[in-house]
C-alpha atoms as a PDB file:
ATOM      1  CA  UNK A   1      -0.036  -0.024  -0.008  1.00  0.00           C
ATOM      2  CA  UNK A   2       1.283   3.396  -0.932  1.00  0.00           C
ATOM      3  CA  UNK A   3       1.081   5.596   2.187  1.00  0.00           C
ATOM      4  CA  UNK A   4       1.243   9.270   3.031  1.00  0.00           C
ATOM      5  CA  UNK A   5       2.201  10.566   6.582  1.00  0.00           C
ATOM      6  CA  UNK A   6       0.546  13.880   7.506  1.00  0.00           C
ATOM      7  CA  UNK A   7       1.984  14.915  10.898  1.00  0.00           C
ATOM      8  CA  UNK A   8       3.414  18.361  11.858  1.00  0.00           C
ATOM      9  CA  UNK A   9       6.277  17.016  13.964  1.00  0.00           C
ATOM     10  CA  UNK A  10       9.174  15.708  11.994  1.00  0.00           C
ATOM     11  CA  UNK A  11      10.431  13.351  14.779  1.00  0.00           C
ATOM     12  CA  UNK A  12       7.085  11.639  14.952  1.00  0.00           C
ATOM     13  CA  UNK A  13       7.157  11.117  11.124  1.00  0.00           C
ATOM     14  CA  UNK A  14      10.690   9.751  11.375  1.00  0.00           C
ATOM     15  CA  UNK A  15       9.781   7.418  14.236  1.00  0.00           C
ATOM     16  CA  UNK A  16       6.815   6.084  12.324  1.00  0.00           C
ATOM     17  CA  UNK A  17       8.929   5.419   9.219  1.00  0.00           C
ATOM     18  CA  UNK A  18      11.563   3.533  11.340  1.00  0.00           C
ATOM     19  CA  UNK A  19       8.757   1.427  12.879  1.00  0.00           C
ATOM     20  CA  UNK A  20       7.226   0.627   9.535  1.00  0.00           C
ATOM     21  CA  UNK A  21      10.581  -0.683   8.311  1.00  0.00           C
ATOM     22  CA  UNK A  22      10.673  -3.229  11.165  1.00  0.00           C
ATOM     23  CA  UNK A  23       7.051  -4.327  10.632  1.00  0.00           C
ATOM     24  CA  UNK A  24       6.417  -7.097   8.078  1.00  0.00           C
ATOM     25  CA  UNK A  25       4.132  -5.048   5.771  1.00  0.00           C
ATOM     26  CA  UNK A  26       3.794  -3.993   2.144  1.00  0.00           C
ATOM     27  CA  UNK A  27       3.368  -0.306   3.160  1.00  0.00           C
ATOM     28  CA  UNK A  28       5.435   2.049   1.203  1.00  0.00           C
ATOM     29  CA  UNK A  29       5.838   5.721   2.257  1.00  0.00           C
ATOM     30  CA  UNK A  30       5.423   7.970  -0.729  1.00  0.00           C
ATOM     31  CA  UNK A  31       5.335  11.245   1.018  1.00  0.00           C
ATOM     32  CA  UNK A  32       5.467  13.308   4.272  1.00  0.00           C
ATOM     33  CA  UNK A  33       3.603  16.401   5.038  1.00  0.00           C
ATOM     34  CA  UNK A  34       3.299  18.749   7.976  1.00  0.00           C
ATOM     35  CA  UNK A  35       0.251  20.897   7.213  1.00  0.00           C
ATOM     36  CA  UNK A  36      -3.303  20.487   5.702  1.00  0.00           C
ATOM     37  CA  UNK A  37      -2.456  22.706   2.795  1.00  0.00           C
ATOM     38  CA  UNK A  38       0.594  20.638   1.768  1.00  0.00           C
ATOM     39  CA  UNK A  39      -1.018  17.315   2.408  1.00  0.00           C
ATOM     40  CA  UNK A  40      -4.068  18.180   0.095  1.00  0.00           C
ATOM     41  CA  UNK A  41      -1.714  19.013  -2.729  1.00  0.00           C
ATOM     42  CA  UNK A  42       0.377  15.860  -2.227  1.00  0.00           C
ATOM     43  CA  UNK A  43      -2.664  13.603  -1.805  1.00  0.00           C
ATOM     44  CA  UNK A  44      -4.193  14.765  -4.962  1.00  0.00           C
ATOM     45  CA  UNK A  45      -0.885  14.287  -6.861  1.00  0.00           C
ATOM     46  CA  UNK A  46       0.086  10.910  -5.397  1.00  0.00           C
ATOM     47  CA  UNK A  47      -3.295   9.173  -4.808  1.00  0.00           C
ATOM     48  CA  UNK A  48      -2.295   7.369  -1.631  1.00  0.00           C
ATOM     49  CA  UNK A  49      -4.033   4.133  -0.570  1.00  0.00           C
ATOM     50  CA  UNK A  50      -3.381   4.754   3.109  1.00  0.00           C
ATOM     51  CA  UNK A  51      -2.854   7.980   5.215  1.00  0.00           C
ATOM     52  CA  UNK A  52      -1.354   8.146   8.669  1.00  0.00           C
ATOM     53  CA  UNK A  53      -3.166  11.313   9.835  1.00  0.00           C
ATOM     54  CA  UNK A  54      -2.479  13.547  12.785  1.00  0.00           C
ATOM     55  CA  UNK A  55      -5.692  15.201  14.136  1.00  0.00           C
ATOM     56  CA  UNK A  56      -4.192  18.528  15.253  1.00  0.00           C
ATOM     57  CA  UNK A  57      -1.946  20.150  12.589  1.00  0.00           C
ATOM     58  CA  UNK A  58      -0.384  23.580  12.308  1.00  0.00           C
ATOM     59  CA  UNK A  59      -3.010  25.056   9.870  1.00  0.00           C
ATOM     60  CA  UNK A  60      -6.102  23.023  10.805  1.00  0.00           C
ATOM     61  CA  UNK A  61      -7.195  19.480  11.719  1.00  0.00           C
ATOM     62  CA  UNK A  62      -7.086  16.046  10.137  1.00  0.00           C
ATOM     63  CA  UNK A  63     -10.794  16.382   9.515  1.00  0.00           C
ATOM     64  CA  UNK A  64     -10.139  19.561   7.396  1.00  0.00           C
ATOM     65  CA  UNK A  65      -7.751  17.452   5.298  1.00  0.00           C
ATOM     66  CA  UNK A  66     -10.392  14.760   4.806  1.00  0.00           C
ATOM     67  CA  UNK A  67     -13.028  17.234   3.899  1.00  0.00           C
ATOM     68  CA  UNK A  68     -10.837  18.540   1.158  1.00  0.00           C
ATOM     69  CA  UNK A  69      -9.848  15.100  -0.239  1.00  0.00           C
ATOM     70  CA  UNK A  70     -13.320  13.362   0.082  1.00  0.00           C
ATOM     71  CA  UNK A  71     -13.150  12.607  -3.635  1.00  0.00           C
ATOM     72  CA  UNK A  72     -10.131  10.396  -3.083  1.00  0.00           C
ATOM     73  CA  UNK A  73     -10.394   6.715  -1.881  1.00  0.00           C
ATOM     74  CA  UNK A  74      -7.798   5.980   0.832  1.00  0.00           C
ATOM     75  CA  UNK A  75      -7.831   4.326   4.201  1.00  0.00           C
ATOM     76  CA  UNK A  76      -6.890   6.333   7.290  1.00  0.00           C
ATOM     77  CA  UNK A  77      -5.028   5.644  10.501  1.00  0.00           C
ATOM     78  CA  UNK A  78      -5.135   8.575  12.862  1.00  0.00           C
ATOM     79  CA  UNK A  79      -2.147   9.664  15.070  1.00  0.00           C
ATOM     80  CA  UNK A  80      -2.938  11.577  18.187  1.00  0.00           C
ATOM     81  CA  UNK A  81      -1.505  12.564  21.518  1.00  0.00           C
ATOM     82  CA  UNK A  82      -3.567  11.623  24.564  1.00  0.00           C
ATOM     83  CA  UNK A  83      -6.181  14.311  24.163  1.00  0.00           C
ATOM     84  CA  UNK A  84      -9.510  13.518  25.791  1.00  0.00           C
ATOM     85  CA  UNK A  85     -11.692  15.192  23.182  1.00  0.00           C
ATOM     86  CA  UNK A  86      -9.841  13.494  20.240  1.00  0.00           C
ATOM     87  CA  UNK A  87      -9.909  10.100  21.752  1.00  0.00           C
ATOM     88  CA  UNK A  88     -13.575  10.372  22.615  1.00  0.00           C
ATOM     89  CA  UNK A  89     -14.374  11.214  18.956  1.00  0.00           C
ATOM     90  CA  UNK A  90     -12.253   8.431  17.572  1.00  0.00           C
ATOM     91  CA  UNK A  91     -13.518   5.797  20.000  1.00  0.00           C
ATOM     92  CA  UNK A  92     -17.166   6.575  19.387  1.00  0.00           C
ATOM     93  CA  UNK A  93     -16.525   6.568  15.609  1.00  0.00           C
ATOM     94  CA  UNK A  94     -14.744   3.157  16.040  1.00  0.00           C
ATOM     95  CA  UNK A  95     -11.889   4.700  13.930  1.00  0.00           C
ATOM     96  CA  UNK A  96      -8.352   3.231  14.020  1.00  0.00           C
ATOM     97  CA  UNK A  97      -5.797   5.427  15.775  1.00  0.00           C
ATOM     98  CA  UNK A  98      -2.272   5.301  17.146  1.00  0.00           C
ATOM     99  CA  UNK A  99      -1.230   7.182  20.307  1.00  0.00           C
ATOM    100  CA  UNK A 100       1.961   9.154  20.295  1.00  0.00           C
ATOM    101  CA  UNK A 101       4.715   7.880  20.684  1.00  0.00           C
ATOM    102  CA  UNK A 102       3.670   5.122  18.262  1.00  0.00           C
ATOM    103  CA  UNK A 103       3.940   1.623  19.687  1.00  0.00           C
ATOM    104  CA  UNK A 104       5.142  -1.379  17.554  1.00  0.00           C
ATOM    105  CA  UNK A 105       2.351  -3.728  18.554  1.00  0.00           C
ATOM    106  CA  UNK A 106      -0.338  -1.132  18.110  1.00  0.00           C
ATOM    107  CA  UNK A 107       0.992  -0.182  14.691  1.00  0.00           C
ATOM    108  CA  UNK A 108       1.021  -3.885  13.629  1.00  0.00           C
ATOM    109  CA  UNK A 109      -2.539  -4.378  14.892  1.00  0.00           C
ATOM    110  CA  UNK A 110      -3.857  -1.218  13.218  1.00  0.00           C
ATOM    111  CA  UNK A 111      -2.249  -2.196   9.864  1.00  0.00           C
ATOM    112  CA  UNK A 112      -3.782  -5.685   9.971  1.00  0.00           C
ATOM    113  CA  UNK A 113      -7.269  -4.360  10.805  1.00  0.00           C
ATOM    114  CA  UNK A 114      -7.122  -1.524   8.112  1.00  0.00           C
ATOM    115  CA  UNK A 115      -6.430  -3.909   5.308  1.00  0.00           C
ATOM    116  CA  UNK A 116      -9.651  -5.748   5.623  1.00  0.00           C
ATOM    117  CA  UNK A 117     -11.743  -2.626   6.201  1.00  0.00           C
ATOM    118  CA  UNK A 118     -13.610  -1.238   3.060  1.00  0.00           C
ATOM    119  CA  UNK A 119     -12.983   2.419   2.397  1.00  0.00           C
ATOM    120  CA  UNK A 120     -16.698   3.146   2.351  1.00  0.00           C
ATOM    121  CA  UNK A 121     -17.087   1.634   5.848  1.00  0.00           C
ATOM    122  CA  UNK A 122     -14.351   3.629   7.189  1.00  0.00           C
ATOM    123  CA  UNK A 123     -15.565   6.936   5.709  1.00  0.00           C
ATOM    124  CA  UNK A 124     -18.867   6.308   7.596  1.00  0.00           C
ATOM    125  CA  UNK A 125     -16.941   5.765  10.839  1.00  0.00           C
ATOM    126  CA  UNK A 126     -14.933   8.916  10.311  1.00  0.00           C
ATOM    127  CA  UNK A 127     -18.149  10.981   9.753  1.00  0.00           C
ATOM    128  CA  UNK A 128     -19.382   9.752  13.099  1.00  0.00           C
ATOM    129  CA  UNK A 129     -16.127  10.717  14.740  1.00  0.00           C
ATOM    130  CA  UNK A 130     -16.192  14.127  13.084  1.00  0.00           C
ATOM    131  CA  UNK A 131     -19.622  14.800  14.503  1.00  0.00           C
ATOM    132  CA  UNK A 132     -18.543  14.064  17.946  1.00  0.00           C
ATOM    133  CA  UNK A 133     -15.351  16.227  17.404  1.00  0.00           C
ATOM    134  CA  UNK A 134     -17.465  19.162  16.502  1.00  0.00           C
ATOM    135  CA  UNK A 135     -20.391  18.670  19.027  1.00  0.00           C
ATOM    136  CA  UNK A 136     -21.369  21.283  21.421  1.00  0.00           C
ATOM    137  CA  UNK A 137     -18.990  20.613  24.299  1.00  0.00           C
ATOM    138  CA  UNK A 138     -18.644  22.902  27.265  1.00  0.00           C
ATOM    139  CA  UNK A 139     -14.904  22.412  27.560  1.00  0.00           C
ATOM    140  CA  UNK A 140     -11.838  22.671  25.299  1.00  0.00           C
ATOM    141  CA  UNK A 141      -8.549  20.743  25.884  1.00  0.00           C
ATOM    142  CA  UNK A 142      -5.606  22.978  24.914  1.00  0.00           C
ATOM    143  CA  UNK A 143      -2.372  21.286  23.998  1.00  0.00           C
ATOM    144  CA  UNK A 144       0.277  23.496  25.728  1.00  0.00           C
ATOM    145  CA  UNK A 145       4.123  23.142  25.493  1.00  0.00           C
ATOM    146  CA  UNK A 146       4.293  21.221  28.793  1.00  0.00           C
ATOM    147  CA  UNK A 147       0.719  20.027  29.542  1.00  0.00           C
ATOM    148  CA  UNK A 148      -2.907  19.702  28.475  1.00  0.00           C
ATOM    149  CA  UNK A 149      -5.059  22.450  29.914  1.00  0.00           C
ATOM    150  CA  UNK A 150      -8.916  22.079  30.205  1.00  0.00           C
ATOM    151  CA  UNK A 151     -10.764  25.350  29.917  1.00  0.00           C
ATOM    152  CA  UNK A 152     -14.473  26.056  30.378  1.00  0.00           C
ATOM    153  CA  UNK A 153     -15.652  27.782  27.267  1.00  0.00           C
ATOM    154  CA  UNK A 154     -18.327  29.737  29.093  1.00  0.00           C
ATOM    155  CA  UNK A 155     -15.474  31.409  30.921  1.00  0.00           C
ATOM    156  CA  UNK A 156     -13.469  32.204  27.754  1.00  0.00           C
ATOM    157  CA  UNK A 157     -13.633  36.039  26.973  1.00  0.00           C
ATOM    158  CA  UNK A 158     -11.857  35.801  23.516  1.00  0.00           C
ATOM    159  CA  UNK A 159      -9.108  34.233  21.436  1.00  0.00           C
ATOM    160  CA  UNK A 160      -6.405  36.243  19.576  1.00  0.00           C
ATOM    161  CA  UNK A 161      -4.340  34.624  16.796  1.00  0.00           C
ATOM    162  CA  UNK A 162      -0.965  35.797  15.642  1.00  0.00           C
ATOM    163  CA  UNK A 163       1.480  34.179  13.211  1.00  0.00           C
ATOM    164  CA  UNK A 164       0.078  30.636  13.724  1.00  0.00           C
ATOM    165  CA  UNK A 165      -0.240  30.993  17.476  1.00  0.00           C
ATOM    166  CA  UNK A 166      -3.594  31.527  19.387  1.00  0.00           C
ATOM    167  CA  UNK A 167      -3.970  33.053  22.910  1.00  0.00           C
ATOM    168  CA  UNK A 168      -6.965  32.124  24.947  1.00  0.00           C
ATOM    169  CA  UNK A 169      -8.010  34.847  27.484  1.00  0.00           C
ATOM    170  CA  UNK A 170     -10.235  33.745  30.372  1.00  0.00           C
ATOM    171  CA  UNK A 171     -12.512  35.779  32.510  1.00  0.00           C
ATOM    172  CA  UNK A 172     -10.380  35.061  35.593  1.00  0.00           C
ATOM    173  CA  UNK A 173      -7.422  36.752  33.988  1.00  0.00           C
ATOM    174  CA  UNK A 174      -5.563  33.605  33.010  1.00  0.00           C
ATOM    175  CA  UNK A 175      -4.370  33.179  29.449  1.00  0.00           C
ATOM    176  CA  UNK A 176      -2.891  30.276  27.522  1.00  0.00           C
ATOM    177  CA  UNK A 177      -0.974  30.093  24.259  1.00  0.00           C
ATOM    178  CA  UNK A 178      -1.153  27.288  21.841  1.00  0.00           C
ATOM    179  CA  UNK A 179       0.877  26.794  18.682  1.00  0.00           C
ATOM    180  CA  UNK A 180      -2.139  26.417  16.316  1.00  0.00           C
ATOM    181  CA  UNK A 181      -4.251  29.055  14.362  1.00  0.00           C
ATOM    182  CA  UNK A 182      -7.631  30.278  15.431  1.00  0.00           C
ATOM    183  CA  UNK A 183      -9.467  28.537  12.622  1.00  0.00           C
ATOM    184  CA  UNK A 184      -8.695  25.090  14.276  1.00  0.00           C
ATOM    185  CA  UNK A 185     -11.181  26.088  17.008  1.00  0.00           C
ATOM    186  CA  UNK A 186     -13.664  28.228  14.942  1.00  0.00           C
ATOM    187  CA  UNK A 187     -16.324  25.728  14.196  1.00  0.00           C
ATOM    188  CA  UNK A 188     -16.745  24.428  17.769  1.00  0.00           C
ATOM    189  CA  UNK A 189     -16.598  27.958  19.262  1.00  0.00           C
ATOM    190  CA  UNK A 190     -19.244  29.329  16.738  1.00  0.00           C
ATOM    191  CA  UNK A 191     -21.685  26.720  18.052  1.00  0.00           C
ATOM    192  CA  UNK A 192     -21.291  28.144  21.561  1.00  0.00           C
ATOM    193  CA  UNK A 193     -22.059  31.814  20.811  1.00  0.00           C
ATOM    194  CA  UNK A 194     -18.639  32.896  19.820  1.00  0.00           C
ATOM    195  CA  UNK A 195     -18.249  35.227  16.803  1.00  0.00           C
ATOM    196  CA  UNK A 196     -15.220  36.110  14.626  1.00  0.00           C
ATOM    197  CA  UNK A 197     -15.377  39.850  13.960  1.00  0.00           C
ATOM    198  CA  UNK A 198     -11.842  40.003  12.734  1.00  0.00           C
ATOM    199  CA  UNK A 199      -9.398  37.533  11.106  1.00  0.00           C
ATOM    200  CA  UNK A 200      -7.390  37.541  14.344  1.00  0.00           C
ATOM    201  CA  UNK A 201     -10.107  37.440  16.965  1.00  0.00           C
ATOM    202  CA  UNK A 202     -12.982  35.218  18.197  1.00  0.00           C
ATOM    203  CA  UNK A 203     -15.231  36.776  20.878  1.00  0.00           C
ATOM    204  CA  UNK A 204     -17.629  35.224  23.433  1.00  0.00           C
ATOM    205  CA  UNK A 205     -20.900  37.245  22.668  1.00  0.00           C
ATOM    206  CA  UNK A 206     -21.979  37.053  26.350  1.00  0.00           C
ATOM    207  CA  UNK A 207     -18.969  39.139  27.424  1.00  0.00           C
ATOM    208  CA  UNK A 208     -19.600  42.037  24.960  1.00  0.00           C
ATOM    209  CA  UNK A 209     -20.545  45.203  26.832  1.00  0.00           C
ATOM    210  CA  UNK A 210     -21.182  47.346  23.730  1.00  0.00           C
ATOM    211  CA  UNK A 211     -20.337  47.787  20.080  1.00  0.00           C
ATOM    212  CA  UNK A 212     -19.048  51.189  18.929  1.00  0.00           C
ATOM    213  CA  UNK A 213     -20.220  51.843  15.274  1.00  0.00           C
ATOM    214  CA  UNK A 214     -16.742  53.059  14.460  1.00  0.00           C
ATOM    215  CA  UNK A 215     -15.844  49.352  14.478  1.00  0.00           C
ATOM    216  CA  UNK A 216     -14.809  48.581  18.077  1.00  0.00           C
ATOM    217  CA  UNK A 217     -16.083  45.953  20.468  1.00  0.00           C
ATOM    218  CA  UNK A 218     -15.940  46.820  24.171  1.00  0.00           C
ATOM    219  CA  UNK A 219     -15.776  43.675  26.424  1.00  0.00           C
ATOM    220  CA  UNK A 220     -17.146  43.882  30.006  1.00  0.00           C
ATOM    221  CA  UNK A 221     -13.654  43.882  31.475  1.00  0.00           C
ATOM    222  CA  UNK A 222     -12.670  46.912  29.320  1.00  0.00           C
ATOM    223  CA  UNK A 223     -10.771  45.242  26.580  1.00  0.00           C
ATOM    224  CA  UNK A 224     -11.312  46.430  23.068  1.00  0.00           C
ATOM    225  CA  UNK A 225     -11.560  44.132  19.990  1.00  0.00           C
ATOM    226  CA  UNK A 226     -11.557  45.503  16.415  1.00  0.00           C
ATOM    227  CA  UNK A 227     -14.165  44.579  13.829  1.00  0.00           C
ATOM    228  CA  UNK A 228     -12.907  44.342  10.228  1.00  0.00           C
ATOM    229  CA  UNK A 229     -14.830  46.200   7.508  1.00  0.00           C
ATOM    230  CA  UNK A 230     -15.329  42.907   5.661  1.00  0.00           C
ATOM    231  CA  UNK A 231     -16.897  41.199   8.648  1.00  0.00           C
ATOM    232  CA  UNK A 232     -18.734  44.284  10.083  1.00  0.00           C
ATOM    233  CA  UNK A 233     -22.180  43.503   8.589  1.00  0.00           C
ATOM    234  CA  UNK A 234     -22.183  39.864   9.609  1.00  0.00           C
ATOM    235  CA  UNK A 235     -20.940  40.663  13.108  1.00  0.00           C
ATOM    236  CA  UNK A 236     -23.778  43.323  13.673  1.00  0.00           C
ATOM    237  CA  UNK A 237     -26.401  40.861  12.586  1.00  0.00           C
ATOM    238  CA  UNK A 238     -25.007  38.120  14.932  1.00  0.00           C
ATOM    239  CA  UNK A 239     -24.624  40.629  17.778  1.00  0.00           C
ATOM    240  CA  UNK A 240     -28.101  42.064  17.600  1.00  0.00           C
ATOM    241  CA  UNK A 241     -29.679  38.566  17.103  1.00  0.00           C
ATOM    242  CA  UNK A 242     -27.917  37.140  20.195  1.00  0.00           C
ATOM    243  CA  UNK A 243     -29.023  40.121  22.345  1.00  0.00           C
ATOM    244  CA  UNK A 244     -32.609  39.833  21.115  1.00  0.00           C
ATOM    245  CA  UNK A 245     -33.064  36.330  22.361  1.00  0.00           C
END
């Protein structure tokens, strides 16, 4: 099977390749990618039969990659850190996954199982996992440099994105920085009354004190959030609708 590895950490990719060389298998690695954008291009060009797919990537999620390559037929084995939200989705969907660091026996077992699984069946399983991943959950698990931090989304004031990093500002004054862009979290947050008035910000509607028509949001703690001209009309409609409920 021609396989593609989509994982943003080079040492994980290298470790997986080394393990595959020791496993008795016909898997041949035809490419390595570290982002959704790159992986979509490579997958369309190489038509892999199997993809080892990280869930959280630098510019999006593994589900984003699958959405953009749904016209291709390949099997998928997810690679994930021990993240509660990710594992819940994968287990409910009954989708094959490998925990980082990848274990030899688990890799061998996943490969054996995946070979007998029809692509159509797995796509159905992945759709189930995707729904769980994006369901309205009251918490979010942030992968920080040294830990996994659980935050209550109802206590999240706003998020600010800058050069691929996102900072989460909480009502109690705490803030956490993750090395992922804001769009990774956009769909889940929008379902919980967050709005994106600017490319770099997502704001919790319940913490907005007022909107100045000059294009500035004032939060209840005094912070100011800009509204871009392109998103102004959509933001005002969302803001007024929320406050009329």
